[in-house]
Amino acid sequence: MAKSSSNNEVIFLLSIVAISLLLTVAMAKRDGSGLSSRLVPFKKAIAAGPQCDTVHGVESGDTCFDVAKASNLTPVFFDALNPNLNCTALFIGQWLCIEGTP
């Protein structure tokens, strides 16, 4: 008898949960506060930053100034093509942008 009573309690509690969920969904749809009313349309982001067309692989002894000078670039334009570059920490094989659009 105890097992039957326990099963009835579980069924009763599940029924209460199901009814609560149904009421919540029904009220959300009725007052317009459902998920669809909170969706905000957005435009696809356009990639920001430089467009690199040609790169130079850093070799032993290269500096940013030397690479910019050899590529006929001003330091300002070179920096604009390589915005996150740390010129004091160049490593061999690192790619530097030497031609493109900032």
C-alpha atoms as a PDB file:
ATOM      1  CA  MET A   1       0.000   0.000   0.000  1.00  0.00           C
ATOM      2  CA  ALA A   2       2.876   2.367   0.752  1.00  0.00           C
ATOM      3  CA  LYS A   3       4.271   1.953  -2.766  1.00  0.00           C
ATOM      4  CA  SER A   4       0.910   2.826  -4.333  1.00  0.00           C
ATOM      5  CA  SER A   5       0.676   5.940  -2.181  1.00  0.00           C
ATOM      6  CA  SER A   6       4.204   6.961  -3.202  1.00  0.00           C
ATOM      7  CA  ASN A   7       3.360   6.465  -6.897  1.00  0.00           C
ATOM      8  CA  ASN A   8       0.232   8.593  -6.502  1.00  0.00           C
ATOM      9  CA  GLU A   9       2.279  11.384  -4.914  1.00  0.00           C
ATOM     10  CA  VAL A  10       4.792  11.326  -7.774  1.00  0.00           C
ATOM     11  CA  ILE A  11       2.013  11.425 -10.376  1.00  0.00           C
ATOM     12  CA  PHE A  12       0.331  14.287  -8.511  1.00  0.00           C
ATOM     13  CA  LEU A  13       3.580  16.308  -8.337  1.00  0.00           C
ATOM     14  CA  LEU A  14       4.354  15.698 -12.016  1.00  0.00           C
ATOM     15  CA  SER A  15       0.835  16.830 -12.900  1.00  0.00           C
ATOM     16  CA  ILE A  16       1.325  20.051 -10.931  1.00  0.00           C
ATOM     17  CA  VAL A  17       4.639  20.721 -12.706  1.00  0.00           C
ATOM     18  CA  ALA A  18       3.115  20.052 -16.134  1.00  0.00           C
ATOM     19  CA  ILE A  19       0.150  22.339 -15.458  1.00  0.00           C
ATOM     20  CA  SER A  20       2.487  25.076 -14.186  1.00  0.00           C
ATOM     21  CA  LEU A  21       4.582  24.874 -17.338  1.00  0.00           C
ATOM     22  CA  LEU A  22       1.517  25.009 -19.572  1.00  0.00           C
ATOM     23  CA  LEU A  23       0.168  28.052 -17.726  1.00  0.00           C
ATOM     24  CA  THR A  24       3.532  29.812 -17.930  1.00  0.00           C
ATOM     25  CA  VAL A  25       3.784  29.251 -21.679  1.00  0.00           C
ATOM     26  CA  ALA A  26       0.181  30.312 -22.253  1.00  0.00           C
ATOM     27  CA  MET A  27       0.620  33.531 -20.259  1.00  0.00           C
ATOM     28  CA  ALA A  28       3.901  34.379 -21.978  1.00  0.00           C
ATOM     29  CA  LYS A  29       2.322  34.044 -25.413  1.00  0.00           C
ATOM     30  CA  ARG A  30      -0.768  36.013 -24.408  1.00  0.00           C
ATOM     31  CA  ASP A  31       1.026  39.072 -23.010  1.00  0.00           C
ATOM     32  CA  GLY A  32       3.660  39.184 -25.755  1.00  0.00           C
ATOM     33  CA  SER A  33       6.578  38.636 -23.410  1.00  0.00           C
ATOM     34  CA  GLY A  34       7.550  35.388 -25.092  1.00  0.00           C
ATOM     35  CA  LEU A  35      10.964  34.771 -26.553  1.00  0.00           C
ATOM     36  CA  SER A  36       9.984  35.878 -30.050  1.00  0.00           C
ATOM     37  CA  SER A  37       9.119  39.371 -28.813  1.00  0.00           C
ATOM     38  CA  ARG A  38      12.609  39.744 -27.316  1.00  0.00           C
ATOM     39  CA  LEU A  39      14.575  38.797 -30.409  1.00  0.00           C
ATOM     40  CA  VAL A  40      16.446  41.709 -31.927  1.00  0.00           C
ATOM     41  CA  PRO A  41      17.390  41.572 -35.600  1.00  0.00           C
ATOM     42  CA  PHE A  42      21.015  42.342 -36.388  1.00  0.00           C
ATOM     43  CA  LYS A  43      23.132  42.879 -39.429  1.00  0.00           C
ATOM     44  CA  LYS A  44      26.117  40.682 -40.090  1.00  0.00           C
ATOM     45  CA  ALA A  45      29.233  42.414 -38.830  1.00  0.00           C
ATOM     46  CA  ILE A  46      31.711  43.562 -41.403  1.00  0.00           C
ATOM     47  CA  ALA A  47      35.247  42.511 -40.639  1.00  0.00           C
ATOM     48  CA  ALA A  48      37.120  45.446 -39.197  1.00  0.00           C
ATOM     49  CA  GLY A  49      40.816  45.924 -39.479  1.00  0.00           C
ATOM     50  CA  PRO A  50      43.415  45.806 -42.183  1.00  0.00           C
ATOM     51  CA  GLN A  51      43.267  43.756 -45.365  1.00  0.00           C
ATOM     52  CA  CYS A  52      46.685  42.240 -45.959  1.00  0.00           C
ATOM     53  CA  ASP A  53      47.698  41.368 -49.523  1.00  0.00           C
ATOM     54  CA  THR A  54      51.412  40.585 -49.103  1.00  0.00           C
ATOM     55  CA  VAL A  55      53.382  39.381 -46.087  1.00  0.00           C
ATOM     56  CA  HIS A  56      57.033  39.208 -45.114  1.00  0.00           C
ATOM     57  CA  GLY A  57      58.448  36.416 -42.952  1.00  0.00           C
ATOM     58  CA  VAL A  58      60.721  37.828 -40.263  1.00  0.00           C
ATOM     59  CA  GLU A  59      64.355  36.759 -40.601  1.00  0.00           C
ATOM     60  CA  SER A  60      67.199  36.992 -38.129  1.00  0.00           C
ATOM     61  CA  GLY A  61      68.107  40.645 -37.512  1.00  0.00           C
ATOM     62  CA  ASP A  62      64.866  42.112 -38.941  1.00  0.00           C
ATOM     63  CA  THR A  63      63.298  45.115 -37.239  1.00  0.00           C
ATOM     64  CA  CYS A  64      59.959  46.725 -37.962  1.00  0.00           C
ATOM     65  CA  PHE A  65      61.739  49.833 -39.202  1.00  0.00           C
ATOM     66  CA  ASP A  66      63.956  47.843 -41.590  1.00  0.00           C
ATOM     67  CA  VAL A  67      61.029  45.844 -43.006  1.00  0.00           C
ATOM     68  CA  ALA A  68      58.938  48.998 -43.469  1.00  0.00           C
ATOM     69  CA  LYS A  69      61.850  50.804 -45.147  1.00  0.00           C
ATOM     70  CA  ALA A  70      62.611  47.857 -47.475  1.00  0.00           C
ATOM     71  CA  SER A  71      58.921  47.747 -48.443  1.00  0.00           C
ATOM     72  CA  ASN A  72      58.796  51.526 -49.075  1.00  0.00           C
ATOM     73  CA  LEU A  73      56.271  52.014 -46.255  1.00  0.00           C
ATOM     74  CA  THR A  74      56.114  54.847 -43.775  1.00  0.00           C
ATOM     75  CA  PRO A  75      56.229  53.742 -40.137  1.00  0.00           C
ATOM     76  CA  VAL A  76      52.666  55.034 -39.670  1.00  0.00           C
ATOM     77  CA  PHE A  77      51.336  52.993 -42.610  1.00  0.00           C
ATOM     78  CA  PHE A  78      53.315  49.913 -41.515  1.00  0.00           C
ATOM     79  CA  ASP A  79      51.795  50.208 -38.019  1.00  0.00           C
ATOM     80  CA  ALA A  80      48.310  50.581 -39.537  1.00  0.00           C
ATOM     81  CA  LEU A  81      48.802  47.355 -41.519  1.00  0.00           C
ATOM     82  CA  ASN A  82      50.058  45.556 -38.393  1.00  0.00           C
ATOM     83  CA  PRO A  83      47.949  47.011 -35.548  1.00  0.00           C
ATOM     84  CA  ASN A  84      48.655  44.332 -32.920  1.00  0.00           C
ATOM     85  CA  LEU A  85      52.334  43.949 -33.671  1.00  0.00           C
ATOM     86  CA  ASN A  86      54.866  44.253 -30.854  1.00  0.00           C
ATOM     87  CA  CYS A  87      57.995  45.427 -32.662  1.00  0.00           C
ATOM     88  CA  THR A  88      60.183  44.764 -29.613  1.00  0.00           C
ATOM     89  CA  ALA A  89      59.270  41.064 -29.642  1.00  0.00           C
ATOM     90  CA  LEU A  90      59.617  39.965 -33.281  1.00  0.00           C
ATOM     91  CA  PHE A  91      60.451  36.312 -33.830  1.00  0.00           C
ATOM     92  CA  ILE A  92      61.880  34.451 -36.816  1.00  0.00           C
ATOM     93  CA  GLY A  93      59.105  33.275 -39.125  1.00  0.00           C
ATOM     94  CA  GLN A  94      56.549  35.815 -37.880  1.00  0.00           C
ATOM     95  CA  TRP A  95      54.389  37.203 -40.688  1.00  0.00           C
ATOM     96  CA  LEU A  96      54.341  40.971 -41.133  1.00  0.00           C
ATOM     97  CA  CYS A  97      51.909  42.652 -43.494  1.00  0.00           C
ATOM     98  CA  ILE A  98      53.778  44.768 -46.039  1.00  0.00           C
ATOM     99  CA  GLU A  99      51.047  45.471 -48.597  1.00  0.00           C
ATOM    100  CA  GLY A 100      47.319  46.005 -48.215  1.00  0.00           C
ATOM    101  CA  THR A 101      44.653  48.329 -46.897  1.00  0.00           C
ATOM    102  CA  PRO A 102      44.648  49.506 -43.269  1.00  0.00           C
END
